Amino acid sequence: METKKLLLAEDDELLASLLNFRLKKGGYDVSLSTNGREVKEYLSKTIPDIIVSDIMMPYFSGMELIEYVRNELKSNVPIIIISSAGNEENVLNAFELGANDFLSKPVSPSELLVRVERQLKKP
C-alpha cells in the first residue's frame, strides 16, 4: 500500500512533535509546517493526501488555508482543523469554508489518527 502524504500545520512545537510522532507511527509520510508561509510553500509544490491544520498560525491562519486550498488550488483534499478556539462560531466557519472535520484542543493523537483514517477512506 502506498504511504499517504499528510501535511501537519501546527505552530505549537510540543504538540506538533507529539502529533508528528503518532501520525508517522500510524504509517503516514508527515510534512510539518510551523507557519503559514511554510504551508503555502509546501502546497505550491505538492498536494498531500490530507491536511491537518491549527487555526491560529503566524502569517496564514487555518481559515485562510481552507480558503486557499478550496478556492485558489481548487483541491478537495480533506482538511482537519484543530484549535484551542473550538467555539461554535469557529467550528461553523471552518465547515462553511470547506473543512472536513474539526477537533478541539487538547487533541488526542490517537483520536486524530482515527479521524485522518476515516477521512481517507471516504470515496
Protein backbone atom coordinates (compact mmCIF):
# COMPACT_ATOMS: atom_id res chain seq x y z
CA MET A 1 0.00 0.00 0.00
CA GLU A 2 1.23 3.48 -0.89
CA THR A 3 2.18 5.72 2.05
CA LYS A 4 -0.22 8.65 2.34
CA LYS A 5 1.22 12.16 2.45
CA LEU A 6 -0.03 14.29 5.33
CA LEU A 7 0.64 18.00 5.85
CA LEU A 8 0.63 18.93 9.54
CA ALA A 9 0.44 22.69 10.12
CA GLU A 10 0.91 23.44 13.82
CA ASP A 11 2.94 26.22 15.46
CA ASP A 12 2.99 24.70 18.97
CA GLU A 13 6.28 22.76 18.84
CA LEU A 14 5.43 20.30 21.61
CA LEU A 15 2.02 19.41 20.15
CA ALA A 16 3.47 19.30 16.63
CA SER A 17 6.15 16.81 17.64
CA LEU A 18 3.63 14.68 19.56
CA LEU A 19 1.18 14.55 16.63
CA ASN A 20 4.02 14.11 14.13
CA PHE A 21 5.32 11.10 16.09
CA ARG A 22 1.87 9.48 16.36
CA LEU A 23 0.97 10.04 12.69
CA LYS A 24 4.32 8.69 11.48
CA LYS A 25 3.87 5.67 13.76
CA GLY A 26 0.45 5.27 12.09
CA GLY A 27 2.20 4.95 8.72
CA TYR A 28 1.89 8.46 7.29
CA ASP A 29 4.55 10.45 5.46
CA VAL A 30 4.24 13.64 7.54
CA SER A 31 5.47 17.07 6.40
CA LEU A 32 5.48 19.52 9.28
CA SER A 33 4.94 23.26 8.82
CA THR A 34 5.04 25.66 11.74
CA ASN A 35 3.66 28.74 9.99
CA GLY A 36 1.55 29.79 7.05
CA ARG A 37 4.49 30.70 4.82
CA GLU A 38 5.83 27.13 5.06
CA VAL A 39 2.33 25.79 4.35
CA LYS A 40 1.97 27.84 1.15
CA GLU A 41 5.47 26.93 0.03
CA TYR A 42 4.74 23.22 0.54
CA LEU A 43 1.38 23.44 -1.26
CA SER A 44 2.98 25.23 -4.21
CA LYS A 45 5.00 22.05 -4.85
CA THR A 46 2.70 19.23 -3.80
CA ILE A 47 -0.85 18.49 -2.71
CA PRO A 48 -0.86 15.99 0.17
CA ASP A 49 -3.49 13.28 0.64
CA ILE A 50 -4.78 15.10 3.75
CA ILE A 51 -4.09 18.32 5.69
CA VAL A 52 -4.26 18.75 9.47
CA SER A 53 -4.03 22.41 10.49
CA ASP A 54 -4.29 24.59 13.55
CA ILE A 55 -6.49 27.68 13.14
CA MET A 56 -4.10 30.17 14.73
CA MET A 57 -0.74 30.22 12.96
CA PRO A 58 1.68 33.00 12.07
CA TYR A 59 1.33 34.59 8.60
CA PHE A 60 -1.59 32.48 7.36
CA SER A 61 -4.41 31.16 9.53
CA GLY A 62 -6.10 27.79 9.26
CA MET A 63 -9.22 29.55 7.94
CA GLU A 64 -7.14 31.24 5.22
CA LEU A 65 -5.60 27.85 4.48
CA ILE A 66 -9.03 26.30 3.88
CA GLU A 67 -10.00 29.16 1.55
CA TYR A 68 -6.66 28.92 -0.29
CA VAL A 69 -6.92 25.16 -0.84
CA ARG A 70 -10.57 25.24 -1.89
CA ASN A 71 -10.62 28.47 -3.97
CA GLU A 72 -7.07 29.03 -5.26
CA LEU A 73 -5.85 25.46 -5.61
CA LYS A 74 -9.34 24.09 -6.41
CA SER A 75 -8.50 20.98 -4.36
CA ASN A 76 -10.86 18.69 -2.47
CA VAL A 77 -8.06 17.31 -0.29
CA PRO A 78 -9.55 16.51 3.15
CA ILE A 79 -8.76 19.18 5.76
CA ILE A 80 -9.00 18.56 9.50
CA ILE A 81 -8.82 21.68 11.67
CA ILE A 82 -7.52 21.55 15.24
CA SER A 83 -7.90 24.52 17.55
CA SER A 84 -7.97 25.71 21.12
CA ALA A 85 -10.59 28.19 19.88
CA GLY A 86 -13.22 25.49 19.39
CA ASN A 87 -16.17 27.78 19.91
CA GLU A 88 -19.27 27.26 17.80
CA GLU A 89 -18.53 30.25 15.55
CA ASN A 90 -15.07 28.94 14.60
CA VAL A 91 -16.34 25.40 14.08
CA LEU A 92 -19.20 26.54 11.83
CA ASN A 93 -16.95 28.96 9.94
CA ALA A 94 -14.39 26.21 9.28
CA PHE A 95 -17.09 23.88 7.93
CA GLU A 96 -18.64 26.65 5.80
CA LEU A 97 -15.23 27.32 4.24
CA GLY A 98 -14.82 23.63 3.40
CA ALA A 99 -13.14 21.87 6.33
CA ASN A 100 -13.95 18.17 6.58
CA ASP A 101 -13.53 17.79 10.34
CA PHE A 102 -12.78 19.85 13.45
CA LEU A 103 -11.07 18.82 16.69
CA SER A 104 -10.79 21.00 19.78
CA LYS A 105 -7.55 21.07 21.74
CA PRO A 106 -6.30 19.31 23.73
CA VAL A 107 -6.14 16.84 20.85
CA SER A 108 -5.76 13.13 21.46
CA PRO A 109 -3.14 11.89 18.97
CA SER A 110 -4.95 8.54 18.75
CA GLU A 111 -8.30 10.21 18.04
CA LEU A 112 -6.67 12.38 15.37
CA LEU A 113 -5.24 9.24 13.74
CA VAL A 114 -8.71 7.64 13.64
CA ARG A 115 -10.23 10.79 12.14
CA VAL A 116 -7.45 11.00 9.50
CA GLU A 117 -8.07 7.37 8.56
CA ARG A 118 -11.81 7.97 8.38
CA GLN A 119 -11.37 10.94 6.01
CA LEU A 120 -9.05 8.98 3.74
CA LYS A 121 -11.48 6.05 3.48
CA LYS A 122 -14.29 8.22 2.10
CA PRO A 123 -14.99 7.61 -1.58
